[in-house]
Amino acid sequence: MSFADLYQTGERKQDMGHFRNLVLLAQVDGIVDDSELLLLNKIGQRIGLSYTQIGNILDNPNDYNVMPPVSKDDRYENMIDLIRMVMADSVIDEKETVLLERFAIQIGYKDIEDIDVESIVALINRGEDNDTIITELG
């Protein structure tokens, strides 16, 4: 851990914990394929992680803790990203579904039923970005 890591903001720690969950979802089936890696890099950059942070979390995801988002929109955006990751390799594995359900609870939902997963999937398949999905469903 670097000296700078000691002074990270709560928001940065939330982002790193969120990214950690994405990495664990990508790894749960034993293979992180190119589409998952591409999505991880895209989301990591979007949430402001450096390439070094992305690499460190990819290499050691269990070294990072999850801090649940405070706002409803942040929780929802995290779920959208997690659902995108499950869909990234076009194979939805039972292990991914179980982990997705666990992460939903971890970030503040009672259970996965609190989220309209089918509508999110439909909007992702339609090519919508997170802001549009949040506006339409949130």
Protein backbone atom coordinates (compact mmCIF):
# COMPACT_ATOMS: atom_id res chain seq x y z
CA MET A 1 0.00 0.00 0.00
CA SER A 2 1.40 3.36 -0.98
CA PHE A 3 1.49 6.46 1.20
CA ALA A 4 -1.16 8.06 -1.03
CA ASP A 5 -3.49 5.10 -0.45
CA LEU A 6 -3.68 6.01 3.23
CA TYR A 7 -5.36 9.31 2.39
CA GLN A 8 -7.94 8.27 -0.15
CA THR A 9 -11.37 9.81 0.07
CA GLY A 10 -14.44 7.76 0.96
CA GLU A 11 -15.69 8.16 -2.59
CA ARG A 12 -12.43 6.78 -4.02
CA LYS A 13 -12.63 3.82 -1.62
CA GLN A 14 -16.24 3.24 -2.77
CA ASP A 15 -15.09 3.27 -6.40
CA MET A 16 -12.29 0.80 -5.66
CA GLY A 17 -14.68 -1.50 -3.77
CA HIS A 18 -17.15 -1.32 -6.65
CA PHE A 19 -14.38 -2.15 -9.12
CA ARG A 20 -13.35 -5.04 -6.87
CA ASN A 21 -16.86 -6.48 -7.16
CA LEU A 22 -16.73 -6.16 -10.94
CA VAL A 23 -13.40 -8.01 -11.00
CA LEU A 24 -14.75 -10.79 -8.79
CA LEU A 25 -17.76 -11.18 -11.11
CA ALA A 26 -15.47 -11.38 -14.13
CA GLN A 27 -13.29 -13.98 -12.40
CA VAL A 28 -16.05 -16.16 -10.91
CA ASP A 29 -16.22 -18.52 -13.89
CA GLY A 30 -12.45 -18.99 -13.85
CA ILE A 31 -11.78 -17.04 -17.05
CA VAL A 32 -11.59 -13.29 -17.61
CA ASP A 33 -12.12 -13.02 -21.34
CA ASP A 34 -11.29 -10.05 -23.57
CA SER A 35 -14.82 -8.60 -23.48
CA GLU A 36 -14.80 -8.63 -19.67
CA LEU A 37 -11.32 -7.10 -19.51
CA LEU A 38 -12.35 -4.38 -21.96
CA LEU A 39 -15.42 -3.57 -19.87
CA LEU A 40 -13.37 -3.55 -16.65
CA ASN A 41 -10.94 -1.04 -18.16
CA LYS A 42 -13.76 1.10 -19.52
CA ILE A 43 -15.59 1.23 -16.18
CA GLY A 44 -12.35 1.70 -14.23
CA GLN A 45 -11.47 4.73 -16.33
CA ARG A 46 -15.02 6.09 -16.14
CA ILE A 47 -14.98 6.03 -12.35
CA GLY A 48 -11.56 7.70 -12.27
CA LEU A 49 -9.22 4.84 -11.37
CA SER A 50 -5.66 5.03 -12.63
CA TYR A 51 -4.17 2.22 -14.70
CA THR A 52 -2.08 1.28 -11.67
CA GLN A 53 -5.17 1.06 -9.45
CA ILE A 54 -7.01 -0.99 -12.07
CA GLY A 55 -4.06 -3.38 -12.34
CA ASN A 56 -3.67 -3.69 -8.58
CA ILE A 57 -7.34 -4.52 -8.08
CA LEU A 58 -7.28 -6.99 -10.98
CA ASP A 59 -4.29 -8.74 -9.42
CA ASN A 60 -5.53 -8.69 -5.81
CA PRO A 61 -9.28 -7.97 -5.59
CA ASN A 62 -9.58 -9.43 -2.10
CA ASP A 63 -7.22 -6.75 -0.76
CA TYR A 64 -10.02 -4.18 -1.20
CA ASN A 65 -13.11 -3.61 0.90
CA VAL A 66 -16.55 -2.59 -0.28
CA MET A 67 -18.07 0.60 1.05
CA PRO A 68 -21.75 0.63 0.06
CA PRO A 69 -22.81 3.74 -1.83
CA VAL A 70 -24.90 6.20 0.15
CA SER A 71 -27.11 7.55 -2.61
CA LYS A 72 -29.83 5.62 -4.38
CA ASP A 73 -28.48 6.65 -7.80
CA ASP A 74 -24.96 5.44 -6.96
CA ARG A 75 -26.32 2.08 -5.75
CA TYR A 76 -28.36 1.78 -8.93
CA GLU A 77 -25.39 2.68 -11.12
CA ASN A 78 -23.29 0.05 -9.35
CA MET A 79 -25.97 -2.56 -10.08
CA ILE A 80 -26.11 -1.54 -13.73
CA ASP A 81 -22.33 -1.96 -14.00
CA LEU A 82 -22.53 -5.35 -12.26
CA ILE A 83 -25.27 -6.50 -14.64
CA ARG A 84 -23.18 -5.28 -17.60
CA MET A 85 -20.30 -7.40 -16.31
CA VAL A 86 -22.49 -10.49 -16.04
CA MET A 87 -23.58 -9.92 -19.64
CA ALA A 88 -20.12 -9.03 -21.01
CA ASP A 89 -19.10 -12.49 -22.19
CA SER A 90 -22.62 -13.37 -23.39
CA VAL A 91 -22.71 -16.35 -21.02
CA ILE A 92 -24.68 -15.93 -17.81
CA ASP A 93 -23.31 -18.49 -15.41
CA GLU A 94 -25.12 -19.60 -12.24
CA LYS A 95 -22.07 -18.56 -10.19
CA GLU A 96 -22.37 -15.06 -11.65
CA THR A 97 -26.05 -14.89 -10.74
CA VAL A 98 -25.38 -15.99 -7.15
CA LEU A 99 -22.58 -13.44 -6.80
CA LEU A 100 -24.72 -10.70 -8.35
CA GLU A 101 -27.42 -11.41 -5.76
CA ARG A 102 -24.84 -11.26 -2.97
CA PHE A 103 -23.44 -7.96 -4.24
CA ALA A 104 -26.95 -6.46 -4.45
CA ILE A 105 -27.37 -7.09 -0.73
CA GLN A 106 -23.82 -5.94 0.01
CA ILE A 107 -24.43 -2.52 -1.54
CA GLY A 108 -27.71 -1.91 0.22
CA TYR A 109 -30.62 -3.72 -1.43
CA LYS A 110 -32.81 -6.15 0.51
CA ASP A 111 -32.39 -8.65 -2.32
CA ILE A 112 -32.06 -8.83 -6.09
CA GLU A 113 -35.86 -8.53 -6.42
CA ASP A 114 -35.50 -4.82 -5.45
CA ILE A 115 -33.92 -4.28 -8.87
CA ASP A 116 -35.71 -4.55 -12.21
CA VAL A 117 -32.96 -6.69 -13.75
CA GLU A 118 -34.99 -7.60 -16.85
CA SER A 119 -35.56 -3.95 -17.76
CA ILE A 120 -31.91 -3.10 -17.14
CA VAL A 121 -30.84 -5.99 -19.38
CA ALA A 122 -33.25 -4.84 -22.10
CA LEU A 123 -31.90 -1.28 -21.96
CA ILE A 124 -28.29 -2.49 -22.00
CA ASN A 125 -29.11 -4.65 -25.04
CA ARG A 126 -30.65 -1.56 -26.64
CA GLY A 127 -27.29 0.19 -26.18
CA GLU A 128 -28.30 2.67 -23.49
CA ASP A 129 -25.75 4.21 -21.13
CA ASN A 130 -26.07 4.21 -17.34
CA ASP A 131 -27.50 7.73 -17.15
CA THR A 132 -30.29 6.87 -19.57
CA ILE A 133 -31.07 3.64 -17.71
CA ILE A 134 -31.20 5.51 -14.40
CA THR A 135 -33.46 8.18 -15.91
CA GLU A 136 -35.82 5.64 -17.46
CA LEU A 137 -36.01 3.23 -14.51
CA GLY A 138 -34.80 5.12 -11.45
